[in-house]
Amino acid sequence: MRSDNPPNTPSGRPPATVLVSLTLMALALHGCLLDAVPVEAAELSSPVARTAPAVQVRSLVSPPIEPGAEPALQPAAGPVPPAPSRQAAIEPAREAPPEPPTAGAPEAVLSSELSPSAPAMEAAPLASRPEARAPAPAASEPAVLRQPEQPVPVYRTRIPPAMTIEYDISRGSISGTGQLTWLPEGGSYEARLQASVIGYTLLSQISQGGFDKAGLAPLRFTDQRARKAARAANFQRDAGKITFSGPADEFALPAGVQDRLSWMIQLPAVLSAEPKRAVAGGEVVLYVVGARADVAVWTLRCLGAETVQTAGGPVRTVKFMRAPRGAKDTQAEVWLDPTRHFLPVRARLGQGSDDPDAFELVLRELKPGP
């Protein structure tokens, strides 16, 4: 007989087939929901998306099946991997980068936005930044002035009147004419020596300056030789130094300093004021400067009386000589007329007494005035 009572079913946990069916239904429903609600990339970058809680997916693991239970259809091991497009949609929302700053934003604001944890720093002005500071110019040290090799005395002087002296000139085998013009006027002077051969200028020297307690006080001396550019020596009396147009040397400017032309007037001025020096053994010490920075102390010693033959006849003179101190040093010889303010009747300049190219001049005529 069939009993009307239902068969006995175990109480407690539902059958495995029921659990499997429920699991499959849940997965299917979840997939439908994801397909119906797409997530756009623009929504992820919006401020709302940044503040929304992250979406997480948990895989549903079916409970273990008790031994002896009838297995049903089992899902594939592990969670069902979502499609690539869905995976991008359900990943946690990344924080979007900050919006670019507006034009002209201060440097401190930019640094604080890029590094929120770092304190804001005030931008230093360009002039105060170490890399923008120009190095301070080094203080220029004053040039060391070269001094005379020995003290130079200061003599009393008596300036000769204006004169124009004509000379016969020679240099080696070359001969011509020359002229020395001496023009003192008021508190200044100009001395000019020119030598020429058949109209060709062999030498041109000009000394310009004034007078002080030591006699002639040159301010500028120019020297031009044949086929060479003119050179100049400048006597900067306010600065107390001597400079040159070519060499960069600078010399101290002592009292009584002379140039390569003015000494031919300064020596007669000293002897006119102190004639006792115009005897054998007497001497006059001068500091003589050339335009090529050839500077030296000249000790001119009197060698006694000597007669010089000139175009106008013999002239009784006193001879002074500056002996050279080396092979390249200047030997200066000059014969002075005591009856004509000790002005030079003859002069010879060379390198030693045997110099074949020594420059020599001999009096032709002496005329008072310019």
Protein backbone atom coordinates (compact mmCIF):
# COMPACT_ATOMS: atom_id res chain seq x y z
CA MET A 1 0.00 0.00 0.00
CA ARG A 2 1.19 3.47 -0.77
CA SER A 3 1.35 5.72 2.13
CA ASP A 4 -0.07 9.20 1.77
CA ASN A 5 2.65 10.68 3.96
CA PRO A 6 5.59 12.31 2.08
CA PRO A 7 8.90 10.59 2.25
CA ASN A 8 11.26 11.62 4.99
CA THR A 9 13.81 14.35 3.96
CA PRO A 10 16.82 15.28 5.92
CA SER A 11 16.34 18.36 8.02
CA GLY A 12 18.79 21.34 8.26
CA ARG A 13 21.03 22.09 5.16
CA PRO A 14 19.22 22.22 1.74
CA PRO A 15 20.26 19.72 -0.92
CA ALA A 16 23.40 20.49 -3.00
CA THR A 17 21.36 20.78 -6.16
CA VAL A 18 19.46 23.66 -4.66
CA LEU A 19 22.64 25.50 -3.70
CA VAL A 20 24.15 25.05 -7.13
CA SER A 21 21.00 26.33 -8.76
CA LEU A 22 20.92 29.40 -6.53
CA THR A 23 24.58 30.14 -7.28
CA LEU A 24 24.04 29.99 -11.03
CA MET A 25 20.98 32.21 -10.75
CA ALA A 26 22.95 34.82 -8.70
CA LEU A 27 25.78 34.92 -11.23
CA ALA A 28 23.39 35.34 -14.11
CA LEU A 29 21.53 38.15 -12.33
CA HIS A 30 24.80 39.91 -11.51
CA GLY A 31 25.89 39.81 -15.14
CA CYS A 32 22.62 41.32 -16.24
CA LEU A 33 23.05 44.20 -13.80
CA LEU A 34 26.57 44.93 -15.05
CA ASP A 35 25.43 44.94 -18.67
CA ALA A 36 22.59 47.32 -17.89
CA VAL A 37 24.72 49.92 -15.96
CA PRO A 38 27.86 50.89 -17.96
CA VAL A 39 30.47 53.17 -16.36
CA GLU A 40 32.03 55.82 -18.63
CA ALA A 41 35.63 57.02 -18.33
CA ALA A 42 34.44 60.63 -18.10
CA GLU A 43 32.42 59.73 -15.01
CA LEU A 44 35.50 58.21 -13.39
CA SER A 45 37.43 61.47 -13.86
CA SER A 46 34.66 63.67 -12.44
CA PRO A 47 34.87 64.97 -8.87
CA VAL A 48 31.91 62.77 -7.96
CA ALA A 49 33.73 59.68 -9.16
CA ARG A 50 36.76 60.63 -7.11
CA THR A 51 34.67 60.80 -3.96
CA ALA A 52 32.49 57.74 -4.64
CA PRO A 53 33.46 54.57 -2.79
CA ALA A 54 35.47 52.06 -4.75
CA VAL A 55 33.51 49.16 -6.34
CA GLN A 56 34.82 45.75 -5.40
CA VAL A 57 33.81 42.35 -6.80
CA ARG A 58 33.84 39.32 -4.59
CA SER A 59 33.70 35.86 -6.15
CA LEU A 60 31.05 33.57 -4.73
CA VAL A 61 32.47 30.31 -3.57
CA SER A 62 30.04 27.45 -3.32
CA PRO A 63 29.95 25.66 0.02
CA PRO A 64 31.59 22.26 0.22
CA ILE A 65 29.45 19.25 -0.67
CA GLU A 66 29.08 16.71 2.05
CA PRO A 67 30.27 13.20 1.33
CA GLY A 68 27.59 11.00 -0.10
CA ALA A 69 25.55 13.82 -1.54
CA GLU A 70 24.65 13.60 -5.18
CA PRO A 71 26.78 16.05 -7.10
CA ALA A 72 25.10 18.21 -9.64
CA LEU A 73 26.59 20.37 -12.40
CA GLN A 74 29.58 22.21 -10.91
CA PRO A 75 30.75 25.60 -12.06
CA ALA A 76 34.30 26.06 -13.33
CA ALA A 77 36.86 26.29 -10.58
CA GLY A 78 37.47 29.85 -9.39
CA PRO A 79 35.52 33.00 -10.06
CA VAL A 80 34.30 33.80 -13.53
CA PRO A 81 36.70 36.36 -14.99
CA PRO A 82 34.91 39.46 -16.20
CA ALA A 83 35.33 40.77 -19.74
CA PRO A 84 38.17 43.27 -20.28
CA SER A 85 35.77 46.17 -20.73
CA ARG A 86 33.95 45.31 -17.55
CA GLN A 87 37.19 44.91 -15.64
CA ALA A 88 38.21 48.47 -16.59
CA ALA A 89 34.80 49.67 -15.42
CA ILE A 90 34.89 47.98 -12.03
CA GLU A 91 38.51 48.79 -11.06
CA PRO A 92 38.87 51.21 -8.16
CA ALA A 93 38.63 54.78 -9.35
CA ARG A 94 42.05 56.44 -9.67
CA GLU A 95 42.57 59.93 -8.37
CA ALA A 96 42.65 62.28 -11.30
CA PRO A 97 45.71 64.64 -11.60
CA PRO A 98 45.11 68.22 -10.50
CA GLU A 99 43.93 70.64 -13.11
CA PRO A 100 46.69 72.74 -14.70
CA PRO A 101 47.20 76.09 -12.97
CA THR A 102 46.05 79.25 -14.60
CA ALA A 103 48.51 81.45 -16.45
CA GLY A 104 50.54 83.75 -14.24
CA ALA A 105 50.17 81.60 -11.11
CA PRO A 106 52.89 82.34 -8.56
CA GLU A 107 55.77 79.89 -8.36
CA ALA A 108 54.94 79.14 -4.72
CA VAL A 109 51.38 78.08 -5.62
CA LEU A 110 52.64 75.73 -8.31
CA SER A 111 55.01 74.01 -5.92
CA SER A 112 52.31 73.58 -3.25
CA GLU A 113 49.84 72.04 -5.71
CA LEU A 114 52.37 69.57 -7.05
CA SER A 115 53.55 68.59 -3.57
CA PRO A 116 50.64 69.03 -1.15
CA SER A 117 52.67 67.72 1.76
CA ALA A 118 55.50 70.22 1.25
CA PRO A 119 55.15 73.69 2.80
CA ALA A 120 54.68 76.55 0.40
CA MET A 121 57.88 78.53 -0.30
CA GLU A 122 58.05 82.14 -1.32
CA ALA A 123 59.88 82.63 -4.61
CA ALA A 124 63.06 84.62 -4.05
CA PRO A 125 63.61 87.66 -6.27
CA LEU A 126 65.97 87.02 -9.18
CA ALA A 127 68.61 89.39 -7.87
CA SER A 128 68.73 87.59 -4.50
CA ARG A 129 69.20 84.09 -5.88
CA PRO A 130 72.78 82.83 -5.58
CA GLU A 131 72.97 81.77 -9.22
CA ALA A 132 71.74 85.19 -10.38
CA ARG A 133 74.19 87.28 -8.38
CA ALA A 134 76.98 88.70 -10.50
CA PRO A 135 80.43 88.28 -8.94
CA ALA A 136 81.69 91.43 -7.34
CA PRO A 137 84.40 93.01 -9.49
CA ALA A 138 87.82 92.60 -8.07
CA ALA A 139 89.29 95.80 -6.79
CA SER A 140 91.87 96.98 -9.29
CA GLU A 141 95.24 97.39 -7.68
CA PRO A 142 97.13 100.58 -8.55
CA ALA A 143 99.92 100.08 -11.04
CA VAL A 144 103.41 99.96 -9.52
CA LEU A 145 105.37 102.93 -10.88
CA ARG A 146 108.99 102.35 -11.74
CA GLN A 147 111.31 104.68 -9.92
CA PRO A 148 114.63 106.21 -11.05
CA GLU A 149 117.58 103.96 -10.24
CA GLN A 150 119.14 106.79 -8.24
CA PRO A 151 118.03 110.12 -6.76
CA VAL A 152 118.04 113.00 -9.23
CA PRO A 153 119.01 116.44 -7.88
CA VAL A 154 117.06 119.61 -8.61
CA TYR A 155 119.12 122.46 -10.03
CA ARG A 156 118.67 126.15 -10.38
CA THR A 157 118.02 127.13 -13.99
CA ARG A 158 118.12 130.19 -16.21
CA ILE A 159 115.97 129.64 -19.28
CA PRO A 160 117.60 130.76 -22.57
CA PRO A 161 115.71 133.13 -24.87
CA ALA A 162 114.01 132.04 -28.06
CA MET A 163 116.43 130.76 -30.67
CA THR A 164 116.49 129.08 -34.07
CA ILE A 165 119.63 127.03 -34.74
CA GLU A 166 120.48 125.66 -38.19
CA TYR A 167 122.63 122.52 -38.37
CA ASP A 168 124.41 120.29 -40.83
CA ILE A 169 123.27 116.78 -39.98
CA SER A 170 124.67 113.35 -40.78
CA ARG A 171 123.90 109.73 -40.04
CA GLY A 172 126.43 107.32 -41.34
CA SER A 173 126.88 108.12 -45.03
CA ILE A 174 123.66 110.20 -45.16
CA SER A 175 123.90 113.96 -44.80
CA GLY A 176 121.37 116.77 -44.84
CA THR A 177 120.14 119.72 -42.84
CA GLY A 178 118.42 120.17 -39.53
CA GLN A 179 116.80 122.86 -37.44
CA LEU A 180 116.26 123.27 -33.70
CA THR A 181 113.56 125.78 -32.80
CA TRP A 182 113.30 126.90 -29.18
CA LEU A 183 110.21 128.97 -28.39
CA PRO A 184 109.45 129.87 -24.75
CA GLU A 185 106.31 131.94 -24.36
CA GLY A 186 104.87 133.01 -21.03
CA GLY A 187 104.60 129.92 -18.81
CA SER A 188 104.91 127.36 -21.61
CA TYR A 189 107.39 126.33 -24.27
CA GLU A 190 107.79 124.32 -27.46
CA ALA A 191 111.00 122.80 -28.76
CA ARG A 192 111.11 121.28 -32.24
CA LEU A 193 113.93 119.41 -33.98
CA GLN A 194 113.64 118.35 -37.62
CA ALA A 195 116.25 116.70 -39.81
CA SER A 196 115.82 116.05 -43.50
CA VAL A 197 117.77 114.75 -46.48
CA ILE A 198 116.90 116.26 -49.87
CA GLY A 199 113.40 117.09 -48.64
CA TYR A 200 112.93 113.67 -46.99
CA THR A 201 112.26 113.85 -43.23
CA LEU A 202 114.72 111.72 -41.34
CA LEU A 203 113.75 112.74 -37.82
CA SER A 204 111.01 114.85 -36.21
CA GLN A 205 110.88 115.48 -32.46
CA ILE A 206 108.59 117.85 -30.55
CA SER A 207 108.64 118.66 -26.84
CA GLN A 208 105.85 120.72 -25.27
CA GLY A 209 105.40 121.76 -21.67
CA GLY A 210 105.90 124.52 -19.13
CA PHE A 211 108.25 125.55 -16.35
CA ASP A 212 108.58 124.85 -12.64
CA LYS A 213 111.20 125.28 -9.92
CA ALA A 214 113.35 122.56 -11.57
CA GLY A 215 113.38 124.25 -14.98
CA LEU A 216 111.67 122.77 -18.04
CA ALA A 217 108.60 120.66 -17.19
CA PRO A 218 107.60 118.61 -20.26
CA LEU A 219 103.99 117.54 -20.74
CA ARG A 220 104.23 115.64 -24.04
CA PHE A 221 107.05 114.43 -26.23
CA THR A 222 106.57 112.94 -29.73
CA ASP A 223 109.25 111.17 -31.73
CA GLN A 224 108.92 110.08 -35.35
CA ARG A 225 111.69 108.40 -37.30
CA ALA A 226 111.92 107.63 -41.01
CA ARG A 227 109.44 104.95 -42.13
CA LYS A 228 108.16 104.49 -38.58
CA ALA A 229 104.99 105.59 -36.80
CA ALA A 230 105.18 108.42 -34.30
CA ARG A 231 105.48 107.53 -30.61
CA ALA A 232 104.71 109.69 -27.60
CA ALA A 233 105.58 110.04 -23.93
CA ASN A 234 103.01 111.74 -21.69
CA PHE A 235 104.03 113.46 -18.46
CA GLN A 236 100.89 113.28 -16.30
CA ARG A 237 101.93 115.70 -13.61
CA ASP A 238 98.61 115.63 -11.77
CA ALA A 239 98.87 111.83 -11.47
CA GLY A 240 102.64 111.90 -10.86
CA LYS A 241 103.47 109.39 -13.59
CA ILE A 242 104.83 109.02 -17.12
CA THR A 243 102.93 106.94 -19.68
CA PHE A 244 103.48 106.08 -23.33
CA SER A 245 101.41 105.72 -26.48
CA GLY A 246 102.84 102.26 -27.17
CA PRO A 247 104.34 100.41 -24.18
CA ALA A 248 102.15 99.87 -21.13
CA ASP A 249 104.98 100.74 -18.72
CA GLU A 250 104.41 103.52 -16.23
CA PHE A 251 107.17 105.45 -14.51
CA ALA A 252 107.21 107.81 -11.57
CA LEU A 253 107.50 111.48 -12.46
CA PRO A 254 110.23 113.08 -10.34
CA ALA A 255 111.09 116.78 -10.32
CA GLY A 256 113.42 117.84 -13.13
CA VAL A 257 112.56 114.93 -15.49
CA GLN A 258 113.31 115.65 -19.17
CA ASP A 259 112.58 114.06 -22.55
CA ARG A 260 114.95 113.19 -25.40
CA LEU A 261 114.75 116.74 -26.80
CA SER A 262 114.16 119.02 -23.81
CA TRP A 263 117.41 117.92 -22.16
CA MET A 264 119.30 119.86 -24.87
CA ILE A 265 117.72 123.05 -23.46
CA GLN A 266 117.63 122.01 -19.77
CA LEU A 267 121.39 121.38 -19.63
CA PRO A 268 122.23 124.91 -20.95
CA ALA A 269 119.68 126.37 -18.49
CA VAL A 270 121.42 124.62 -15.54
CA LEU A 271 124.90 125.71 -16.66
CA SER A 272 123.73 129.31 -17.20
CA ALA A 273 122.52 129.37 -13.57
CA GLU A 274 125.46 127.36 -12.17
CA PRO A 275 128.48 127.98 -14.47
CA LYS A 276 130.84 126.36 -11.95
CA ARG A 277 129.64 122.97 -13.28
CA ALA A 278 131.00 123.80 -16.75
CA VAL A 279 134.56 122.88 -15.81
CA ALA A 280 136.42 119.61 -16.19
CA GLY A 281 135.03 117.12 -13.68
CA GLY A 282 131.77 118.96 -13.20
CA GLU A 283 128.54 117.05 -13.80
CA VAL A 284 124.81 117.43 -14.23
CA VAL A 285 122.47 114.50 -13.55
CA LEU A 286 119.22 114.37 -15.53
CA TYR A 287 116.38 111.83 -15.69
CA VAL A 288 115.75 111.46 -19.45
CA VAL A 289 112.68 109.79 -20.99
CA GLY A 290 112.24 108.55 -24.57
CA ALA A 291 108.99 107.92 -26.42
CA ARG A 292 109.62 104.16 -26.50
CA ALA A 293 109.81 103.81 -22.70
CA ASP A 294 113.61 104.11 -22.87
CA VAL A 295 114.05 105.78 -19.51
CA ALA A 296 117.35 106.25 -17.71
CA VAL A 297 119.40 108.53 -15.50
CA TRP A 298 121.96 110.44 -17.53
CA THR A 299 125.07 111.61 -15.72
CA LEU A 300 126.62 114.21 -18.01
CA ARG A 301 130.26 114.94 -17.08
CA CYS A 302 132.28 117.86 -18.29
CA LEU A 303 135.43 116.81 -20.17
CA GLY A 304 136.79 120.35 -20.45
CA ALA A 305 137.19 122.92 -23.19
CA GLU A 306 137.26 121.91 -26.84
CA THR A 307 137.21 123.80 -30.15
CA VAL A 308 134.58 122.86 -32.77
CA GLN A 309 134.92 123.69 -36.45
CA THR A 310 131.66 125.08 -37.85
CA ALA A 311 130.51 126.59 -41.14
CA GLY A 312 130.91 130.03 -39.55
CA GLY A 313 134.40 129.28 -38.16
CA PRO A 314 135.90 127.69 -35.02
CA VAL A 315 133.91 127.96 -31.78
CA ARG A 316 135.33 127.53 -28.29
CA THR A 317 133.07 125.13 -26.39
CA VAL A 318 132.87 122.95 -23.28
CA LYS A 319 132.19 119.27 -23.86
CA PHE A 320 129.84 117.08 -21.80
CA MET A 321 129.44 113.35 -22.31
CA ARG A 322 127.15 110.68 -21.00
CA ALA A 323 128.97 107.34 -21.07
CA PRO A 324 126.89 104.28 -22.06
CA ARG A 325 126.39 101.55 -19.46
CA GLY A 326 125.88 98.75 -21.99
CA ALA A 327 126.22 97.81 -25.63
CA LYS A 328 122.69 99.07 -26.45
CA ASP A 329 122.79 102.12 -24.21
CA THR A 330 122.93 105.67 -25.58
CA GLN A 331 126.18 107.58 -25.61
CA ALA A 332 125.47 111.31 -25.71
CA GLU A 333 128.10 113.94 -26.49
CA VAL A 334 127.34 117.64 -26.64
CA TRP A 335 129.54 120.75 -27.19
CA LEU A 336 128.13 123.94 -25.64
CA ASP A 337 128.96 127.59 -26.32
CA PRO A 338 129.31 129.56 -23.05
CA THR A 339 128.97 132.85 -24.98
CA ARG A 340 125.56 131.85 -26.38
CA HIS A 341 123.67 130.68 -23.29
CA PHE A 342 125.47 127.29 -23.43
CA LEU A 343 123.31 126.27 -26.41
CA PRO A 344 124.59 123.24 -28.36
CA VAL A 345 127.08 123.90 -31.16
CA ARG A 346 127.58 120.22 -31.86
CA ALA A 347 125.84 117.05 -30.66
CA ARG A 348 126.33 113.35 -31.32
CA LEU A 349 124.01 110.51 -30.24
CA GLY A 350 124.83 106.85 -30.83
CA GLN A 351 125.59 103.50 -29.23
CA GLY A 352 129.19 103.93 -28.25
CA SER A 353 131.94 106.01 -29.83
CA ASP A 354 132.37 103.51 -32.70
CA ASP A 355 128.71 103.52 -33.82
CA PRO A 356 128.76 104.09 -37.62
CA ASP A 357 125.07 105.10 -37.59
CA ALA A 358 125.40 107.76 -34.89
CA PHE A 359 123.26 110.85 -35.43
CA GLU A 360 125.34 114.04 -35.48
CA LEU A 361 124.61 117.72 -35.97
CA VAL A 362 127.06 120.67 -36.31
CA LEU A 363 126.19 124.37 -36.13
CA ARG A 364 125.65 126.29 -39.35
CA GLU A 365 123.89 129.38 -37.98
CA LEU A 366 122.32 130.58 -34.75
CA LYS A 367 119.60 133.19 -34.97
CA PRO A 368 117.83 134.85 -32.03
CA GLY A 369 114.05 134.55 -32.02
CA PRO A 370 111.79 132.03 -33.68
